[in-house]
C-alpha cells in the first residue's frame, strides 16, 4: 500500500483524491486487519498532504493572477519541506 515519494509526486490531485476515497471505503468496511488499517491510514495521511499541497499551489496561482492580471513565476513550496 505504501508508495515512494517520487511516485506520489507524479500523482495528479484527482488521482490522489480517488485513491484516498478508495482507502476510506476499505477502512469503513471494517474488513482490514489492524496492520492493514495502519498502512491505509499512513497512506491516507500522505495522500492528504499531497492534496493540500496541490490546493495551496493552486490558491497561490489564483492570488497571483488576481494581483497582477497575469501568472508570474512563483516559487511554490511543499509545506513538508519547511
PDB file of N, CA and C in Angstrom:
ATOM      1  N   UNK A   1       0.808  -1.200   0.000  1.00  0.00           N
ATOM      2  CA  UNK A   1       0.000   0.000   0.000  1.00  0.00           C
ATOM      3  C   UNK A   1       0.849   1.262   0.000  1.00  0.00           C
ATOM      4  N   UNK A   2       2.073   1.157   0.515  1.00  0.00           N
ATOM      5  CA  UNK A   2       2.904   2.355   0.550  1.00  0.00           C
ATOM      6  C   UNK A   2       3.593   2.539  -0.790  1.00  0.00           C
ATOM      7  N   UNK A   3       3.755   3.789  -1.157  1.00  0.00           N
ATOM      8  CA  UNK A   3       4.387   4.129  -2.427  1.00  0.00           C
ATOM      9  C   UNK A   3       5.500   5.111  -2.147  1.00  0.00           C
ATOM     10  N   UNK A   4       6.472   5.177  -3.058  1.00  0.00           N
ATOM     11  CA  UNK A   4       7.594   6.085  -2.851  1.00  0.00           C
ATOM     12  C   UNK A   4       7.159   7.530  -3.060  1.00  0.00           C
ATOM     13  N   UNK A   5       7.939   8.441  -2.489  1.00  0.00           N
ATOM     14  CA  UNK A   5       7.620   9.865  -2.599  1.00  0.00           C
ATOM     15  C   UNK A   5       7.664  10.313  -4.059  1.00  0.00           C
ATOM     16  N   UNK A   6       8.608   9.756  -4.849  1.00  0.00           N
ATOM     17  CA  UNK A   6       8.691  10.120  -6.266  1.00  0.00           C
ATOM     18  C   UNK A   6       7.416   9.740  -7.003  1.00  0.00           C
ATOM     19  N   UNK A   7       6.870   8.570  -6.705  1.00  0.00           N
ATOM     20  CA  UNK A   7       5.632   8.143  -7.342  1.00  0.00           C
ATOM     21  C   UNK A   7       4.496   9.069  -6.936  1.00  0.00           C
ATOM     22  N   UNK A   8       4.450   9.445  -5.660  1.00  0.00           N
ATOM     23  CA  UNK A   8       3.408  10.347  -5.177  1.00  0.00           C
ATOM     24  C   UNK A   8       3.463  11.698  -5.877  1.00  0.00           C
ATOM     25  N   UNK A   9       4.659  12.195  -6.131  1.00  0.00           N
ATOM     26  CA  UNK A   9       4.798  13.496  -6.774  1.00  0.00           C
ATOM     27  C   UNK A   9       4.270  13.483  -8.204  1.00  0.00           C
ATOM     28  N   UNK A  10       4.148  12.306  -8.793  1.00  0.00           N
ATOM     29  CA  UNK A  10       3.629  12.192 -10.150  1.00  0.00           C
ATOM     30  C   UNK A  10       2.106  12.079 -10.177  1.00  0.00           C
ATOM     31  N   UNK A  11       1.497  11.869  -9.011  1.00  0.00           N
ATOM     32  CA  UNK A  11       0.041  11.759  -8.935  1.00  0.00           C
ATOM     33  C   UNK A  11      -0.611  13.113  -9.171  1.00  0.00           C
ATOM     34  N   UNK A  12      -1.692  13.103  -9.897  1.00  0.00           N
ATOM     35  CA  UNK A  12      -2.478  14.325 -10.025  1.00  0.00           C
ATOM     36  C   UNK A  12      -3.344  14.469  -8.791  1.00  0.00           C
ATOM     37  N   UNK A  13      -3.873  15.651  -8.584  1.00  0.00           N
ATOM     38  CA  UNK A  13      -4.778  15.890  -7.469  1.00  0.00           C
ATOM     39  C   UNK A  13      -5.955  14.930  -7.550  1.00  0.00           C
ATOM     40  N   UNK A  14      -6.506  14.786  -8.739  1.00  0.00           N
ATOM     41  CA  UNK A  14      -7.680  13.942  -8.925  1.00  0.00           C
ATOM     42  C   UNK A  14      -7.371  12.475  -8.623  1.00  0.00           C
ATOM     43  N   UNK A  15      -6.202  11.993  -9.050  1.00  0.00           N
ATOM     44  CA  UNK A  15      -5.819  10.609  -8.789  1.00  0.00           C
ATOM     45  C   UNK A  15      -5.600  10.381  -7.298  1.00  0.00           C
ATOM     46  N   UNK A  16      -4.989  11.351  -6.625  1.00  0.00           N
ATOM     47  CA  UNK A  16      -4.769  11.233  -5.181  1.00  0.00           C
ATOM     48  C   UNK A  16      -6.099  11.210  -4.436  1.00  0.00           C
ATOM     49  N   UNK A  17      -7.028  12.058  -4.847  1.00  0.00           N
ATOM     50  CA  UNK A  17      -8.350  12.075  -4.202  1.00  0.00           C
ATOM     51  C   UNK A  17      -9.084  10.760  -4.427  1.00  0.00           C
ATOM     52  N   UNK A  18      -8.997  10.216  -5.624  1.00  0.00           N
ATOM     53  CA  UNK A  18      -9.671   8.947  -5.920  1.00  0.00           C
ATOM     54  C   UNK A  18      -9.094   7.818  -5.073  1.00  0.00           C
ATOM     55  N   UNK A  19      -7.765   7.791  -4.949  1.00  0.00           N
ATOM     56  CA  UNK A  19      -7.132   6.755  -4.121  1.00  0.00           C
ATOM     57  C   UNK A  19      -7.524   6.934  -2.654  1.00  0.00           C
ATOM     58  N   UNK A  20      -7.578   8.168  -2.210  1.00  0.00           N
ATOM     59  CA  UNK A  20      -7.972   8.453  -0.831  1.00  0.00           C
ATOM     60  C   UNK A  20      -9.404   7.988  -0.560  1.00  0.00           C
ATOM     61  N   UNK A  21     -10.294   8.235  -1.501  1.00  0.00           N
ATOM     62  CA  UNK A  21     -11.683   7.790  -1.352  1.00  0.00           C
ATOM     63  C   UNK A  21     -11.775   6.265  -1.271  1.00  0.00           C
ATOM     64  N   UNK A  22     -10.971   5.573  -2.081  1.00  0.00           N
ATOM     65  CA  UNK A  22     -10.963   4.110  -2.041  1.00  0.00           C
ATOM     66  C   UNK A  22     -10.456   3.603  -0.694  1.00  0.00           C
ATOM     67  N   UNK A  23      -9.420   4.254  -0.165  1.00  0.00           N
ATOM     68  CA  UNK A  23      -8.897   3.865   1.142  1.00  0.00           C
ATOM     69  C   UNK A  23      -9.949   4.035   2.236  1.00  0.00           C
ATOM     70  N   UNK A  24     -10.650   5.142   2.186  1.00  0.00           N
ATOM     71  CA  UNK A  24     -11.686   5.409   3.186  1.00  0.00           C
ATOM     72  C   UNK A  24     -12.770   4.335   3.115  1.00  0.00           C
ATOM     73  N   UNK A  25     -13.186   3.984   1.908  1.00  0.00           N
ATOM     74  CA  UNK A  25     -14.208   2.948   1.746  1.00  0.00           C
ATOM     75  C   UNK A  25     -13.744   1.619   2.337  1.00  0.00           C
ATOM     76  N   UNK A  26     -12.488   1.236   2.050  1.00  0.00           N
ATOM     77  CA  UNK A  26     -11.954  -0.017   2.584  1.00  0.00           C
ATOM     78  C   UNK A  26     -11.921   0.006   4.104  1.00  0.00           C
ATOM     79  N   UNK A  27     -11.512   1.126   4.663  1.00  0.00           N
ATOM     80  CA  UNK A  27     -11.433   1.227   6.114  1.00  0.00           C
ATOM     81  C   UNK A  27     -12.821   1.207   6.746  1.00  0.00           C
ATOM     82  N   UNK A  28     -13.778   1.843   6.101  1.00  0.00           N
ATOM     83  CA  UNK A  28     -15.142   1.870   6.624  1.00  0.00           C
ATOM     84  C   UNK A  28     -15.799   0.497   6.576  1.00  0.00           C
ATOM     85  N   UNK A  29     -15.393  -0.324   5.614  1.00  0.00           N
ATOM     86  CA  UNK A  29     -15.946  -1.677   5.512  1.00  0.00           C
ATOM     87  C   UNK A  29     -15.595  -2.513   6.737  1.00  0.00           C
ATOM     88  N   UNK A  30     -14.478  -2.194   7.378  1.00  0.00           N
ATOM     89  CA  UNK A  30     -14.088  -2.898   8.596  1.00  0.00           C
ATOM     90  C   UNK A  30     -13.492  -4.268   8.377  1.00  0.00           C
ATOM     91  N   UNK A  31     -13.117  -4.595   7.151  1.00  0.00           N
ATOM     92  CA  UNK A  31     -12.579  -5.919   6.852  1.00  0.00           C
ATOM     93  C   UNK A  31     -11.053  -5.971   6.894  1.00  0.00           C
ATOM     94  N   UNK A  32     -10.401  -4.862   7.194  1.00  0.00           N
ATOM     95  CA  UNK A  32      -8.942  -4.829   7.217  1.00  0.00           C
ATOM     96  C   UNK A  32      -8.412  -5.272   8.578  1.00  0.00           C
ATOM     97  N   UNK A  33      -7.245  -5.885   8.540  1.00  0.00           N
ATOM     98  CA  UNK A  33      -6.568  -6.216   9.791  1.00  0.00           C
ATOM     99  C   UNK A  33      -6.043  -4.917  10.400  1.00  0.00           C
ATOM    100  N   UNK A  34      -5.575  -5.013  11.638  1.00  0.00           N
ATOM    101  CA  UNK A  34      -5.014  -3.829  12.285  1.00  0.00           C
ATOM    102  C   UNK A  34      -3.837  -3.290  11.486  1.00  0.00           C
ATOM    103  N   UNK A  35      -2.946  -4.172  11.051  1.00  0.00           N
ATOM    104  CA  UNK A  35      -1.788  -3.751  10.272  1.00  0.00           C
ATOM    105  C   UNK A  35      -2.209  -3.098   8.956  1.00  0.00           C
ATOM    106  N   UNK A  36      -3.171  -3.692   8.282  1.00  0.00           N
ATOM    107  CA  UNK A  36      -3.670  -3.118   7.025  1.00  0.00           C
ATOM    108  C   UNK A  36      -4.322  -1.764   7.271  1.00  0.00           C
ATOM    109  N   UNK A  37      -5.038  -1.640   8.367  1.00  0.00           N
ATOM    110  CA  UNK A  37      -5.672  -0.363   8.715  1.00  0.00           C
ATOM    111  C   UNK A  37      -4.624   0.715   8.966  1.00  0.00           C
ATOM    112  N   UNK A  38      -3.567   0.359   9.676  1.00  0.00           N
ATOM    113  CA  UNK A  38      -2.491   1.324   9.935  1.00  0.00           C
ATOM    114  C   UNK A  38      -1.796   1.744   8.645  1.00  0.00           C
ATOM    115  N   UNK A  39      -1.560   0.790   7.756  1.00  0.00           N
ATOM    116  CA  UNK A  39      -0.949   1.106   6.462  1.00  0.00           C
ATOM    117  C   UNK A  39      -1.870   2.005   5.644  1.00  0.00           C
ATOM    118  N   UNK A  40      -3.150   1.710   5.665  1.00  0.00           N
ATOM    119  CA  UNK A  40      -4.120   2.522   4.929  1.00  0.00           C
ATOM    120  C   UNK A  40      -4.168   3.935   5.509  1.00  0.00           C
ATOM    121  N   UNK A  41      -4.119   4.033   6.826  1.00  0.00           N
ATOM    122  CA  UNK A  41      -4.133   5.349   7.477  1.00  0.00           C
ATOM    123  C   UNK A  41      -2.885   6.142   7.101  1.00  0.00           C
ATOM    124  N   UNK A  42      -1.716   5.497   7.138  1.00  0.00           N
ATOM    125  CA  UNK A  42      -0.467   6.157   6.746  1.00  0.00           C
ATOM    126  C   UNK A  42      -0.546   6.667   5.311  1.00  0.00           C
ATOM    127  N   UNK A  43      -1.034   5.819   4.434  1.00  0.00           N
ATOM    128  CA  UNK A  43      -1.162   6.199   3.015  1.00  0.00           C
ATOM    129  C   UNK A  43      -2.144   7.358   2.881  1.00  0.00           C
ATOM    130  N   UNK A  44      -3.214   7.310   3.632  1.00  0.00           N
ATOM    131  CA  UNK A  44      -4.203   8.381   3.589  1.00  0.00           C
ATOM    132  C   UNK A  44      -3.617   9.715   4.025  1.00  0.00           C
ATOM    133  N   UNK A  45      -2.780   9.685   5.059  1.00  0.00           N
ATOM    134  CA  UNK A  45      -2.121  10.915   5.516  1.00  0.00           C
ATOM    135  C   UNK A  45      -1.226  11.471   4.410  1.00  0.00           C
ATOM    136  N   UNK A  46      -0.458  10.601   3.766  1.00  0.00           N
ATOM    137  CA  UNK A  46       0.426  11.045   2.681  1.00  0.00           C
ATOM    138  C   UNK A  46      -0.381  11.640   1.524  1.00  0.00           C
ATOM    139  N   UNK A  47      -1.480  10.996   1.174  1.00  0.00           N
ATOM    140  CA  UNK A  47      -2.322  11.496   0.083  1.00  0.00           C
ATOM    141  C   UNK A  47      -2.978  12.822   0.457  1.00  0.00           C
ATOM    142  N   UNK A  48      -3.389  12.945   1.707  1.00  0.00           N
ATOM    143  CA  UNK A  48      -3.993  14.195   2.172  1.00  0.00           C
ATOM    144  C   UNK A  48      -2.997  15.340   2.078  1.00  0.00           C
ATOM    145  N   UNK A  49      -1.770  15.095   2.486  1.00  0.00           N
ATOM    146  CA  UNK A  49      -0.726  16.129   2.399  1.00  0.00           C
ATOM    147  C   UNK A  49      -0.464  16.532   0.954  1.00  0.00           C
ATOM    148  N   UNK A  50      -0.434  15.531   0.076  1.00  0.00           N
ATOM    149  CA  UNK A  50      -0.223  15.826  -1.341  1.00  0.00           C
ATOM    150  C   UNK A  50      -1.361  16.708  -1.872  1.00  0.00           C
ATOM    151  N   UNK A  51      -2.590  16.362  -1.521  1.00  0.00           N
ATOM    152  CA  UNK A  51      -3.745  17.147  -1.980  1.00  0.00           C
ATOM    153  C   UNK A  51      -3.705  18.563  -1.405  1.00  0.00           C
ATOM    154  N   UNK A  52      -3.340  18.688  -0.134  1.00  0.00           N
ATOM    155  CA  UNK A  52      -3.249  20.013   0.479  1.00  0.00           C
ATOM    156  C   UNK A  52      -2.204  20.869  -0.223  1.00  0.00           C
ATOM    157  N   UNK A  53      -1.083  20.266  -0.575  1.00  0.00           N
ATOM    158  CA  UNK A  53      -0.030  20.994  -1.287  1.00  0.00           C
ATOM    159  C   UNK A  53      -0.526  21.461  -2.652  1.00  0.00           C
ATOM    160  N   UNK A  54      -1.195  20.575  -3.369  1.00  0.00           N
ATOM    161  CA  UNK A  54      -1.723  20.939  -4.683  1.00  0.00           C
ATOM    162  C   UNK A  54      -2.749  22.069  -4.574  1.00  0.00           C
ATOM    163  N   UNK A  55      -3.617  21.996  -3.588  1.00  0.00           N
ATOM    164  CA  UNK A  55      -4.614  23.056  -3.396  1.00  0.00           C
ATOM    165  C   UNK A  55      -3.959  24.380  -3.027  1.00  0.00           C
ATOM    166  N   UNK A  56      -2.940  24.338  -2.181  1.00  0.00           N
ATOM    167  CA  UNK A  56      -2.232  25.557  -1.788  1.00  0.00           C
ATOM    168  C   UNK A  56      -1.534  26.171  -2.999  1.00  0.00           C
ATOM    169  N   UNK A  57      -0.916  25.343  -3.827  1.00  0.00           N
ATOM    170  CA  UNK A  57      -0.260  25.846  -5.037  1.00  0.00           C
ATOM    171  C   UNK A  57      -1.261  26.499  -5.982  1.00  0.00           C
ATOM    172  N   UNK A  58      -2.418  25.888  -6.127  1.00  0.00           N
ATOM    173  CA  UNK A  58      -3.460  26.458  -6.981  1.00  0.00           C
ATOM    174  C   UNK A  58      -3.942  27.790  -6.410  1.00  0.00           C
ATOM    175  N   UNK A  59      -4.099  27.848  -5.091  1.00  0.00           N
ATOM    176  CA  UNK A  59      -4.521  29.086  -4.442  1.00  0.00           C
ATOM    177  C   UNK A  59      -3.500  30.206  -4.665  1.00  0.00           C
ATOM    178  N   UNK A  60      -2.224  29.875  -4.564  1.00  0.00           N
ATOM    179  CA  UNK A  60      -1.181  30.880  -4.801  1.00  0.00           C
ATOM    180  C   UNK A  60      -1.223  31.409  -6.236  1.00  0.00           C
ATOM    181  N   UNK A  61      -1.456  30.517  -7.187  1.00  0.00           N
ATOM    182  CA  UNK A  61      -1.547  30.934  -8.588  1.00  0.00           C
ATOM    183  C   UNK A  61      -2.733  31.874  -8.800  1.00  0.00           C
ATOM    184  N   UNK A  62      -3.875  31.531  -8.212  1.00  0.00           N
ATOM    185  CA  UNK A  62      -5.071  32.368  -8.344  1.00  0.00           C
ATOM    186  C   UNK A  62      -4.825  33.731  -7.706  1.00  0.00           C
ATOM    187  N   UNK A  63      -4.224  33.752  -6.533  1.00  0.00           N
ATOM    188  CA  UNK A  63      -3.920  35.024  -5.875  1.00  0.00           C
ATOM    189  C   UNK A  63      -2.996  35.884  -6.729  1.00  0.00           C
ATOM    190  N   UNK A  64      -1.988  35.248  -7.319  1.00  0.00           N
ATOM    191  CA  UNK A  64      -1.054  35.992  -8.159  1.00  0.00           C
ATOM    192  C   UNK A  64      -1.756  36.538  -9.396  1.00  0.00           C
ATOM    193  N   UNK A  65      -2.636  35.759  -9.983  1.00  0.00           N
ATOM    194  CA  UNK A  65      -3.392  36.228 -11.144  1.00  0.00           C
ATOM    195  C   UNK A  65      -4.276  37.413 -10.770  1.00  0.00           C
ATOM    196  N   UNK A  66      -4.904  37.339  -9.619  1.00  0.00           N
ATOM    197  CA  UNK A  66      -5.765  38.426  -9.170  1.00  0.00           C
ATOM    198  C   UNK A  66      -4.980  39.695  -8.894  1.00  0.00           C
ATOM    199  N   UNK A  67      -3.757  39.563  -8.413  1.00  0.00           N
ATOM    200  CA  UNK A  67      -2.935  40.733  -8.094  1.00  0.00           C
ATOM    201  C   UNK A  67      -2.340  41.363  -9.337  1.00  0.00           C
ATOM    202  N   UNK A  68      -1.837  40.558 -10.239  1.00  0.00           N
ATOM    203  CA  UNK A  68      -1.082  41.066 -11.379  1.00  0.00           C
ATOM    204  C   UNK A  68      -1.823  40.995 -12.708  1.00  0.00           C
ATOM    205  N   UNK A  69      -2.865  40.240 -12.773  1.00  0.00           N
ATOM    206  CA  UNK A  69      -3.565  40.069 -14.037  1.00  0.00           C
ATOM    207  C   UNK A  69      -2.892  39.077 -14.959  1.00  0.00           C
ATOM    208  N   UNK A  70      -1.748  38.553 -14.553  1.00  0.00           N
ATOM    209  CA  UNK A  70      -1.061  37.518 -15.326  1.00  0.00           C
ATOM    210  C   UNK A  70      -0.298  36.632 -14.362  1.00  0.00           C
ATOM    211  N   UNK A  71       0.001  35.435 -14.792  1.00  0.00           N
ATOM    212  CA  UNK A  71       0.677  34.487 -13.921  1.00  0.00           C
ATOM    213  C   UNK A  71       2.171  34.768 -13.915  1.00  0.00           C
ATOM    214  N   UNK A  72       2.678  35.213 -12.788  1.00  0.00           N
ATOM    215  CA  UNK A  72       4.108  35.448 -12.640  1.00  0.00           C
ATOM    216  C   UNK A  72       4.765  34.164 -12.164  1.00  0.00           C
ATOM    217  N   UNK A  73       6.075  34.099 -12.313  1.00  0.00           N
ATOM    218  CA  UNK A  73       6.801  32.939 -11.805  1.00  0.00           C
ATOM    219  C   UNK A  73       6.723  32.939 -10.288  1.00  0.00           C
ATOM    220  N   UNK A  74       6.205  31.838  -9.751  1.00  0.00           N
ATOM    221  CA  UNK A  74       6.080  31.694  -8.309  1.00  0.00           C
ATOM    222  C   UNK A  74       6.931  30.528  -7.858  1.00  0.00           C
ATOM    223  N   UNK A  75       7.519  30.656  -6.705  1.00  0.00           N
ATOM    224  CA  UNK A  75       8.193  29.512  -6.110  1.00  0.00           C
ATOM    225  C   UNK A  75       7.174  28.857  -5.188  1.00  0.00           C
ATOM    226  N   UNK A  76       6.639  27.741  -5.640  1.00  0.00           N
ATOM    227  CA  UNK A  76       5.628  27.026  -4.877  1.00  0.00           C
ATOM    228  C   UNK A  76       6.319  26.015  -4.003  1.00  0.00           C
ATOM    229  N   UNK A  77       6.098  26.109  -2.713  1.00  0.00           N
ATOM    230  CA  UNK A  77       6.795  25.273  -1.761  1.00  0.00           C
ATOM    231  C   UNK A  77       5.896  24.189  -1.204  1.00  0.00           C
ATOM    232  N   UNK A  78       6.496  23.043  -0.957  1.00  0.00           N
ATOM    233  CA  UNK A  78       5.816  21.949  -0.301  1.00  0.00           C
ATOM    234  C   UNK A  78       5.867  22.217   1.193  1.00  0.00           C
ATOM    235  N   UNK A  79       4.703  22.249   1.889  1.00  0.00           N
ATOM    236  CA  UNK A  79       4.718  22.540   3.326  1.00  0.00           C
ATOM    237  C   UNK A  79       5.564  21.560   4.123  1.00  0.00           C
ATOM    238  N   UNK A  80       5.769  20.346   3.617  1.00  0.00           N
ATOM    239  CA  UNK A  80       6.578  19.371   4.322  1.00  0.00           C
ATOM    240  C   UNK A  80       8.073  19.671   4.246  1.00  0.00           C
ATOM    241  N   UNK A  81       8.482  20.567   3.317  1.00  0.00           N
ATOM    242  CA  UNK A  81       9.878  20.921   3.174  1.00  0.00           C
ATOM    243  C   UNK A  81      10.323  21.960   4.177  1.00  0.00           C
ATOM    244  N   UNK A  82       9.380  22.579   4.866  1.00  0.00           N
ATOM    245  CA  UNK A  82       9.714  23.661   5.801  1.00  0.00           C
ATOM    246  C   UNK A  82      10.392  23.162   7.040  1.00  0.00           C
TER     247      UNK A  82
END
